Amino acid sequence: MMNLKEIYEAKRDVRESEIPEIWQESFNQFMFGQTCCVETNEDGSFKEFIYYACDFRIWYNQNREAIERDIKIDETLK
């Protein structure tokens, strides 16, 4: 699984499942009222939200220092 920095550098839309649990509240607060896509199962039932790359990139830039600090800590502990 890609970390947030790798997703940011890929410049692609982001699945809800790719946002680490520790960052979900912050991201969801940022995304409140914003537009996103919904992925559905074959029967039409909800599967997952997909967020636009431009919105993700704005949120990432607002939290860059803390996100990249956490990534360094995680890599050091591995």
PDB file of N, CA and C in Angstrom:
ATOM      1  N   MET A   1       0.852  -1.183   0.000  1.00  0.00           N
ATOM      2  CA  MET A   1       0.000   0.000   0.000  1.00  0.00           C
ATOM      3  C   MET A   1       0.898   1.246   0.000  1.00  0.00           C
ATOM      4  N   MET A   2       0.512   2.224  -0.784  1.00  0.00           N
ATOM      5  CA  MET A   2       1.272   3.466  -0.898  1.00  0.00           C
ATOM      6  C   MET A   2       1.029   4.337   0.338  1.00  0.00           C
ATOM      7  N   ASN A   3       2.067   5.091   0.734  1.00  0.00           N
ATOM      8  CA  ASN A   3       1.847   6.057   1.808  1.00  0.00           C
ATOM      9  C   ASN A   3       1.292   7.351   1.196  1.00  0.00           C
ATOM     10  N   LEU A   4       0.901   8.291   2.040  1.00  0.00           N
ATOM     11  CA  LEU A   4       0.258   9.515   1.550  1.00  0.00           C
ATOM     12  C   LEU A   4       1.166  10.321   0.625  1.00  0.00           C
ATOM     13  N   LYS A   5       2.450  10.349   0.908  1.00  0.00           N
ATOM     14  CA  LYS A   5       3.380  11.095   0.058  1.00  0.00           C
ATOM     15  C   LYS A   5       3.456  10.466  -1.331  1.00  0.00           C
ATOM     16  N   GLU A   6       3.479   9.151  -1.402  1.00  0.00           N
ATOM     17  CA  GLU A   6       3.523   8.462  -2.699  1.00  0.00           C
ATOM     18  C   GLU A   6       2.239   8.698  -3.497  1.00  0.00           C
ATOM     19  N   ILE A   7       1.114   8.717  -2.811  1.00  0.00           N
ATOM     20  CA  ILE A   7      -0.161   9.011  -3.481  1.00  0.00           C
ATOM     21  C   ILE A   7      -0.146  10.441  -4.008  1.00  0.00           C
ATOM     22  N   TYR A   8       0.332  11.368  -3.185  1.00  0.00           N
ATOM     23  CA  TYR A   8       0.436  12.773  -3.590  1.00  0.00           C
ATOM     24  C   TYR A   8       1.293  12.906  -4.844  1.00  0.00           C
ATOM     25  N   GLU A   9       2.430  12.243  -4.849  1.00  0.00           N
ATOM     26  CA  GLU A   9       3.348  12.330  -5.991  1.00  0.00           C
ATOM     27  C   GLU A   9       2.795  11.643  -7.235  1.00  0.00           C
ATOM     28  N   ALA A  10       1.882  10.692  -7.060  1.00  0.00           N
ATOM     29  CA  ALA A  10       1.275   9.990  -8.199  1.00  0.00           C
ATOM     30  C   ALA A  10       0.236  10.862  -8.917  1.00  0.00           C
ATOM     31  N   LYS A  11      -0.233  11.901  -8.245  1.00  0.00           N
ATOM     32  CA  LYS A  11      -1.205  12.847  -8.834  1.00  0.00           C
ATOM     33  C   LYS A  11      -2.437  12.126  -9.388  1.00  0.00           C
ATOM     34  N   ARG A  12      -3.022  11.277  -8.558  1.00  0.00           N
ATOM     35  CA  ARG A  12      -4.201  10.522  -8.989  1.00  0.00           C
ATOM     36  C   ARG A  12      -5.298  10.621  -7.934  1.00  0.00           C
ATOM     37  N   ASP A  13      -6.503  10.228  -8.323  1.00  0.00           N
ATOM     38  CA  ASP A  13      -7.607  10.221  -7.377  1.00  0.00           C
ATOM     39  C   ASP A  13      -7.318   9.214  -6.266  1.00  0.00           C
ATOM     40  N   VAL A  14      -7.923   9.440  -5.110  1.00  0.00           N
ATOM     41  CA  VAL A  14      -7.607   8.670  -3.908  1.00  0.00           C
ATOM     42  C   VAL A  14      -8.844   7.949  -3.391  1.00  0.00           C
ATOM     43  N   ARG A  15      -8.678   6.678  -3.094  1.00  0.00           N
ATOM     44  CA  ARG A  15      -9.761   5.898  -2.489  1.00  0.00           C
ATOM     45  C   ARG A  15      -9.789   6.147  -0.989  1.00  0.00           C
ATOM     46  N   GLU A  16     -10.962   6.111  -0.419  1.00  0.00           N
ATOM     47  CA  GLU A  16     -11.111   6.318   1.013  1.00  0.00           C
ATOM     48  C   GLU A  16     -10.259   5.324   1.809  1.00  0.00           C
ATOM     49  N   SER A  17     -10.156   4.106   1.337  1.00  0.00           N
ATOM     50  CA  SER A  17      -9.396   3.069   2.043  1.00  0.00           C
ATOM     51  C   SER A  17      -7.892   3.334   2.048  1.00  0.00           C
ATOM     52  N   GLU A  18      -7.423   4.267   1.223  1.00  0.00           N
ATOM     53  CA  GLU A  18      -5.999   4.593   1.175  1.00  0.00           C
ATOM     54  C   GLU A  18      -5.585   5.637   2.211  1.00  0.00           C
ATOM     55  N   ILE A  19      -6.557   6.281   2.824  1.00  0.00           N
ATOM     56  CA  ILE A  19      -6.265   7.276   3.852  1.00  0.00           C
ATOM     57  C   ILE A  19      -6.069   6.524   5.170  1.00  0.00           C
ATOM     58  N   PRO A  20      -4.875   6.622   5.775  1.00  0.00           N
ATOM     59  CA  PRO A  20      -4.648   5.923   7.045  1.00  0.00           C
ATOM     60  C   PRO A  20      -5.639   6.381   8.113  1.00  0.00           C
ATOM     61  N   GLU A  21      -5.986   5.468   8.988  1.00  0.00           N
ATOM     62  CA  GLU A  21      -6.978   5.756  10.028  1.00  0.00           C
ATOM     63  C   GLU A  21      -6.619   6.986  10.846  1.00  0.00           C
ATOM     64  N   ILE A  22      -5.341   7.173  11.108  1.00  0.00           N
ATOM     65  CA  ILE A  22      -4.895   8.305  11.918  1.00  0.00           C
ATOM     66  C   ILE A  22      -5.204   9.656  11.246  1.00  0.00           C
ATOM     67  N   TRP A  23      -5.343   9.671   9.931  1.00  0.00           N
ATOM     68  CA  TRP A  23      -5.596  10.905   9.180  1.00  0.00           C
ATOM     69  C   TRP A  23      -7.034  11.028   8.692  1.00  0.00           C
ATOM     70  N   GLN A  24      -7.875  10.024   8.896  1.00  0.00           N
ATOM     71  CA  GLN A  24      -9.235  10.045   8.348  1.00  0.00           C
ATOM     72  C   GLN A  24     -10.090  11.181   8.884  1.00  0.00           C
ATOM     73  N   GLU A  25     -10.028  11.457  10.175  1.00  0.00           N
ATOM     74  CA  GLU A  25     -10.850  12.535  10.733  1.00  0.00           C
ATOM     75  C   GLU A  25     -10.473  13.883  10.119  1.00  0.00           C
ATOM     76  N   SER A  26      -9.184  14.159  10.038  1.00  0.00           N
ATOM     77  CA  SER A  26      -8.717  15.413   9.444  1.00  0.00           C
ATOM     78  C   SER A  26      -9.157  15.522   7.987  1.00  0.00           C
ATOM     79  N   PHE A  27      -8.986  14.442   7.250  1.00  0.00           N
ATOM     80  CA  PHE A  27      -9.351  14.457   5.830  1.00  0.00           C
ATOM     81  C   PHE A  27     -10.862  14.608   5.657  1.00  0.00           C
ATOM     82  N   ASN A  28     -11.636  13.894   6.457  1.00  0.00           N
ATOM     83  CA  ASN A  28     -13.097  13.988   6.348  1.00  0.00           C
ATOM     84  C   ASN A  28     -13.599  15.385   6.701  1.00  0.00           C
ATOM     85  N   GLN A  29     -12.983  16.033   7.687  1.00  0.00           N
ATOM     86  CA  GLN A  29     -13.361  17.412   8.022  1.00  0.00           C
ATOM     87  C   GLN A  29     -13.051  18.343   6.854  1.00  0.00           C
ATOM     88  N   PHE A  30     -11.901  18.150   6.226  1.00  0.00           N
ATOM     89  CA  PHE A  30     -11.541  18.967   5.071  1.00  0.00           C
ATOM     90  C   PHE A  30     -12.512  18.740   3.914  1.00  0.00           C
ATOM     91  N   MET A  31     -12.890  17.488   3.697  1.00  0.00           N
ATOM     92  CA  MET A  31     -13.737  17.141   2.549  1.00  0.00           C
ATOM     93  C   MET A  31     -15.214  17.455   2.756  1.00  0.00           C
ATOM     94  N   PHE A  32     -15.622  17.782   3.973  1.00  0.00           N
ATOM     95  CA  PHE A  32     -17.032  18.066   4.240  1.00  0.00           C
ATOM     96  C   PHE A  32     -17.538  19.149   3.291  1.00  0.00           C
ATOM     97  N   GLY A  33     -18.567  18.830   2.539  1.00  0.00           N
ATOM     98  CA  GLY A  33     -19.152  19.777   1.594  1.00  0.00           C
ATOM     99  C   GLY A  33     -18.480  19.783   0.229  1.00  0.00           C
ATOM    100  N   GLN A  34     -17.412  19.020   0.062  1.00  0.00           N
ATOM    101  CA  GLN A  34     -16.715  18.940  -1.224  1.00  0.00           C
ATOM    102  C   GLN A  34     -17.326  17.809  -2.061  1.00  0.00           C
ATOM    103  N   THR A  35     -17.018  17.790  -3.309  1.00  0.00           N
ATOM    104  CA  THR A  35     -17.518  16.769  -4.219  1.00  0.00           C
ATOM    105  C   THR A  35     -16.571  15.578  -4.262  1.00  0.00           C
ATOM    106  N   CYS A  36     -17.143  14.390  -4.353  1.00  0.00           N
ATOM    107  CA  CYS A  36     -16.344  13.183  -4.540  1.00  0.00           C
ATOM    108  C   CYS A  36     -17.160  12.200  -5.369  1.00  0.00           C
ATOM    109  N   CYS A  37     -16.536  11.119  -5.764  1.00  0.00           N
ATOM    110  CA  CYS A  37     -17.207  10.064  -6.535  1.00  0.00           C
ATOM    111  C   CYS A  37     -17.544   8.914  -5.601  1.00  0.00           C
ATOM    112  N   VAL A  38     -18.503   8.114  -6.029  1.00  0.00           N
ATOM    113  CA  VAL A  38     -18.873   6.933  -5.265  1.00  0.00           C
ATOM    114  C   VAL A  38     -18.681   5.721  -6.166  1.00  0.00           C
ATOM    115  N   GLU A  39     -17.931   4.748  -5.662  1.00  0.00           N
ATOM    116  CA  GLU A  39     -17.781   3.488  -6.384  1.00  0.00           C
ATOM    117  C   GLU A  39     -18.856   2.542  -5.859  1.00  0.00           C
ATOM    118  N   THR A  40     -19.499   1.840  -6.764  1.00  0.00           N
ATOM    119  CA  THR A  40     -20.559   0.920  -6.359  1.00  0.00           C
ATOM    120  C   THR A  40     -20.217  -0.513  -6.754  1.00  0.00           C
ATOM    121  N   ASN A  41     -20.870  -1.447  -6.082  1.00  0.00           N
ATOM    122  CA  ASN A  41     -20.761  -2.857  -6.440  1.00  0.00           C
ATOM    123  C   ASN A  41     -21.618  -3.116  -7.672  1.00  0.00           C
ATOM    124  N   GLU A  42     -21.522  -4.297  -8.228  1.00  0.00           N
ATOM    125  CA  GLU A  42     -22.299  -4.629  -9.428  1.00  0.00           C
ATOM    126  C   GLU A  42     -23.799  -4.506  -9.200  1.00  0.00           C
ATOM    127  N   ASP A  43     -24.255  -4.729  -7.972  1.00  0.00           N
ATOM    128  CA  ASP A  43     -25.687  -4.627  -7.675  1.00  0.00           C
ATOM    129  C   ASP A  43     -26.125  -3.190  -7.376  1.00  0.00           C
ATOM    130  N   GLY A  44     -25.202  -2.251  -7.482  1.00  0.00           N
ATOM    131  CA  GLY A  44     -25.515  -0.843  -7.267  1.00  0.00           C
ATOM    132  C   GLY A  44     -25.352  -0.374  -5.836  1.00  0.00           C
ATOM    133  N   SER A  45     -24.984  -1.266  -4.942  1.00  0.00           N
ATOM    134  CA  SER A  45     -24.797  -0.865  -3.548  1.00  0.00           C
ATOM    135  C   SER A  45     -23.460  -0.135  -3.373  1.00  0.00           C
ATOM    136  N   PHE A  46     -23.406   0.691  -2.347  1.00  0.00           N
ATOM    137  CA  PHE A  46     -22.227   1.503  -2.069  1.00  0.00           C
ATOM    138  C   PHE A  46     -21.020   0.618  -1.807  1.00  0.00           C
ATOM    139  N   LYS A  47     -19.866   1.027  -2.352  1.00  0.00           N
ATOM    140  CA  LYS A  47     -18.614   0.316  -2.104  1.00  0.00           C
ATOM    141  C   LYS A  47     -17.607   1.224  -1.402  1.00  0.00           C
ATOM    142  N   GLU A  48     -17.311   2.378  -2.004  1.00  0.00           N
ATOM    143  CA  GLU A  48     -16.263   3.234  -1.445  1.00  0.00           C
ATOM    144  C   GLU A  48     -16.316   4.627  -2.081  1.00  0.00           C
ATOM    145  N   PHE A  49     -15.903   5.637  -1.290  1.00  0.00           N
ATOM    146  CA  PHE A  49     -15.750   6.976  -1.827  1.00  0.00           C
ATOM    147  C   PHE A  49     -14.399   7.084  -2.537  1.00  0.00           C
ATOM    148  N   ILE A  50     -14.374   7.866  -3.600  1.00  0.00           N
ATOM    149  CA  ILE A  50     -13.136   8.172  -4.306  1.00  0.00           C
ATOM    150  C   ILE A  50     -13.043   9.696  -4.377  1.00  0.00           C
ATOM    151  N   TYR A  51     -11.924  10.224  -3.886  1.00  0.00           N
ATOM    152  CA  TYR A  51     -11.750  11.671  -3.788  1.00  0.00           C
ATOM    153  C   TYR A  51     -10.861  12.177  -4.920  1.00  0.00           C
ATOM    154  N   TYR A  52     -11.171  13.356  -5.410  1.00  0.00           N
ATOM    155  CA  TYR A  52     -10.415  13.936  -6.514  1.00  0.00           C
ATOM    156  C   TYR A  52      -9.000  14.305  -6.080  1.00  0.00           C
ATOM    157  N   ALA A  53      -8.068  14.094  -6.980  1.00  0.00           N
ATOM    158  CA  ALA A  53      -6.656  14.356  -6.705  1.00  0.00           C
ATOM    159  C   ALA A  53      -6.431  15.808  -6.289  1.00  0.00           C
ATOM    160  N   CYS A  54      -7.107  16.740  -6.921  1.00  0.00           N
ATOM    161  CA  CYS A  54      -6.882  18.156  -6.597  1.00  0.00           C
ATOM    162  C   CYS A  54      -7.261  18.460  -5.151  1.00  0.00           C
ATOM    163  N   ASP A  55      -8.357  17.892  -4.647  1.00  0.00           N
ATOM    164  CA  ASP A  55      -8.755  18.107  -3.259  1.00  0.00           C
ATOM    165  C   ASP A  55      -7.765  17.439  -2.307  1.00  0.00           C
ATOM    166  N   PHE A  56      -7.359  16.218  -2.640  1.00  0.00           N
ATOM    167  CA  PHE A  56      -6.384  15.514  -1.805  1.00  0.00           C
ATOM    168  C   PHE A  56      -5.090  16.299  -1.719  1.00  0.00           C
ATOM    169  N   ARG A  57      -4.650  16.841  -2.834  1.00  0.00           N
ATOM    170  CA  ARG A  57      -3.386  17.573  -2.867  1.00  0.00           C
ATOM    171  C   ARG A  57      -3.452  18.854  -2.016  1.00  0.00           C
ATOM    172  N   ILE A  58      -4.591  19.534  -2.001  1.00  0.00           N
ATOM    173  CA  ILE A  58      -4.755  20.724  -1.153  1.00  0.00           C
ATOM    174  C   ILE A  58      -4.665  20.324   0.312  1.00  0.00           C
ATOM    175  N   TRP A  59      -5.403  19.265   0.690  1.00  0.00           N
ATOM    176  CA  TRP A  59      -5.367  18.797   2.076  1.00  0.00           C
ATOM    177  C   TRP A  59      -3.946  18.366   2.462  1.00  0.00           C
ATOM    178  N   TYR A  60      -3.287  17.627   1.573  1.00  0.00           N
ATOM    179  CA  TYR A  60      -1.926  17.164   1.851  1.00  0.00           C
ATOM    180  C   TYR A  60      -1.000  18.351   2.094  1.00  0.00           C
ATOM    181  N   ASN A  61      -1.066  19.358   1.251  1.00  0.00           N
ATOM    182  CA  ASN A  61      -0.196  20.530   1.404  1.00  0.00           C
ATOM    183  C   ASN A  61      -0.460  21.256   2.728  1.00  0.00           C
ATOM    184  N   GLN A  62      -1.711  21.280   3.171  1.00  0.00           N
ATOM    185  CA  GLN A  62      -2.042  21.917   4.448  1.00  0.00           C
ATOM    186  C   GLN A  62      -1.472  21.137   5.634  1.00  0.00           C
ATOM    187  N   ASN A  63      -1.238  19.840   5.441  1.00  0.00           N
ATOM    188  CA  ASN A  63      -0.773  18.968   6.520  1.00  0.00           C
ATOM    189  C   ASN A  63       0.581  18.331   6.225  1.00  0.00           C
ATOM    190  N   ARG A  64       1.275  18.847   5.233  1.00  0.00           N
ATOM    191  CA  ARG A  64       2.514  18.232   4.740  1.00  0.00           C
ATOM    192  C   ARG A  64       3.533  17.949   5.850  1.00  0.00           C
ATOM    193  N   GLU A  65       3.796  18.926   6.670  1.00  0.00           N
ATOM    194  CA  GLU A  65       4.841  18.769   7.688  1.00  0.00           C
ATOM    195  C   GLU A  65       4.530  17.593   8.623  1.00  0.00           C
ATOM    196  N   ALA A  66       3.320  17.529   9.117  1.00  0.00           N
ATOM    197  CA  ALA A  66       2.942  16.454  10.046  1.00  0.00           C
ATOM    198  C   ALA A  66       2.894  15.097   9.343  1.00  0.00           C
ATOM    199  N   ILE A  67       2.371  15.064   8.119  1.00  0.00           N
ATOM    200  CA  ILE A  67       2.296  13.802   7.369  1.00  0.00           C
ATOM    201  C   ILE A  67       3.689  13.254   7.107  1.00  0.00           C
ATOM    202  N   GLU A  68       4.582  14.095   6.619  1.00  0.00           N
ATOM    203  CA  GLU A  68       5.921  13.622   6.284  1.00  0.00           C
ATOM    204  C   GLU A  68       6.719  13.268   7.544  1.00  0.00           C
ATOM    205  N   ARG A  69       6.454  13.933   8.662  1.00  0.00           N
ATOM    206  CA  ARG A  69       7.079  13.562   9.933  1.00  0.00           C
ATOM    207  C   ARG A  69       6.627  12.153  10.332  1.00  0.00           C
ATOM    208  N   ASP A  70       5.324  11.882  10.215  1.00  0.00           N
ATOM    209  CA  ASP A  70       4.802  10.558  10.557  1.00  0.00           C
ATOM    210  C   ASP A  70       5.368   9.473   9.645  1.00  0.00           C
ATOM    211  N   ILE A  71       5.533   9.779   8.374  1.00  0.00           N
ATOM    212  CA  ILE A  71       6.108   8.814   7.436  1.00  0.00           C
ATOM    213  C   ILE A  71       7.544   8.487   7.841  1.00  0.00           C
ATOM    214  N   LYS A  72       8.322   9.512   8.186  1.00  0.00           N
ATOM    215  CA  LYS A  72       9.711   9.279   8.623  1.00  0.00           C
ATOM    216  C   LYS A  72       9.761   8.436   9.885  1.00  0.00           C
ATOM    217  N   ILE A  73       8.876   8.705  10.824  1.00  0.00           N
ATOM    218  CA  ILE A  73       8.829   7.918  12.055  1.00  0.00           C
ATOM    219  C   ILE A  73       8.499   6.461  11.736  1.00  0.00           C
ATOM    220  N   ASP A  74       7.485   6.249  10.890  1.00  0.00           N
ATOM    221  CA  ASP A  74       7.095   4.881  10.516  1.00  0.00           C
ATOM    222  C   ASP A  74       8.238   4.152   9.838  1.00  0.00           C
ATOM    223  N   GLU A  75       8.950   4.834   8.926  1.00  0.00           N
ATOM    224  CA  GLU A  75      10.063   4.197   8.218  1.00  0.00           C
ATOM    225  C   GLU A  75      11.207   3.871   9.169  1.00  0.00           C
ATOM    226  N   THR A  76      11.454   4.747  10.141  1.00  0.00           N
ATOM    227  CA  THR A  76      12.518   4.516  11.114  1.00  0.00           C
ATOM    228  C   THR A  76      12.201   3.316  12.006  1.00  0.00           C
ATOM    229  N   LEU A  77      10.941   3.162  12.362  1.00  0.00           N
ATOM    230  CA  LEU A  77      10.541   2.067  13.245  1.00  0.00           C
ATOM    231  C   LEU A  77      10.483   0.712  12.551  1.00  0.00           C
ATOM    232  N   LYS A  78      10.492   0.711  11.232  1.00  0.00           N
ATOM    233  CA  LYS A  78      10.425  -0.580  10.494  1.00  0.00           C
ATOM    234  C   LYS A  78      11.710  -1.333  10.574  1.00  0.00           C
TER     235      LYS A  78
END
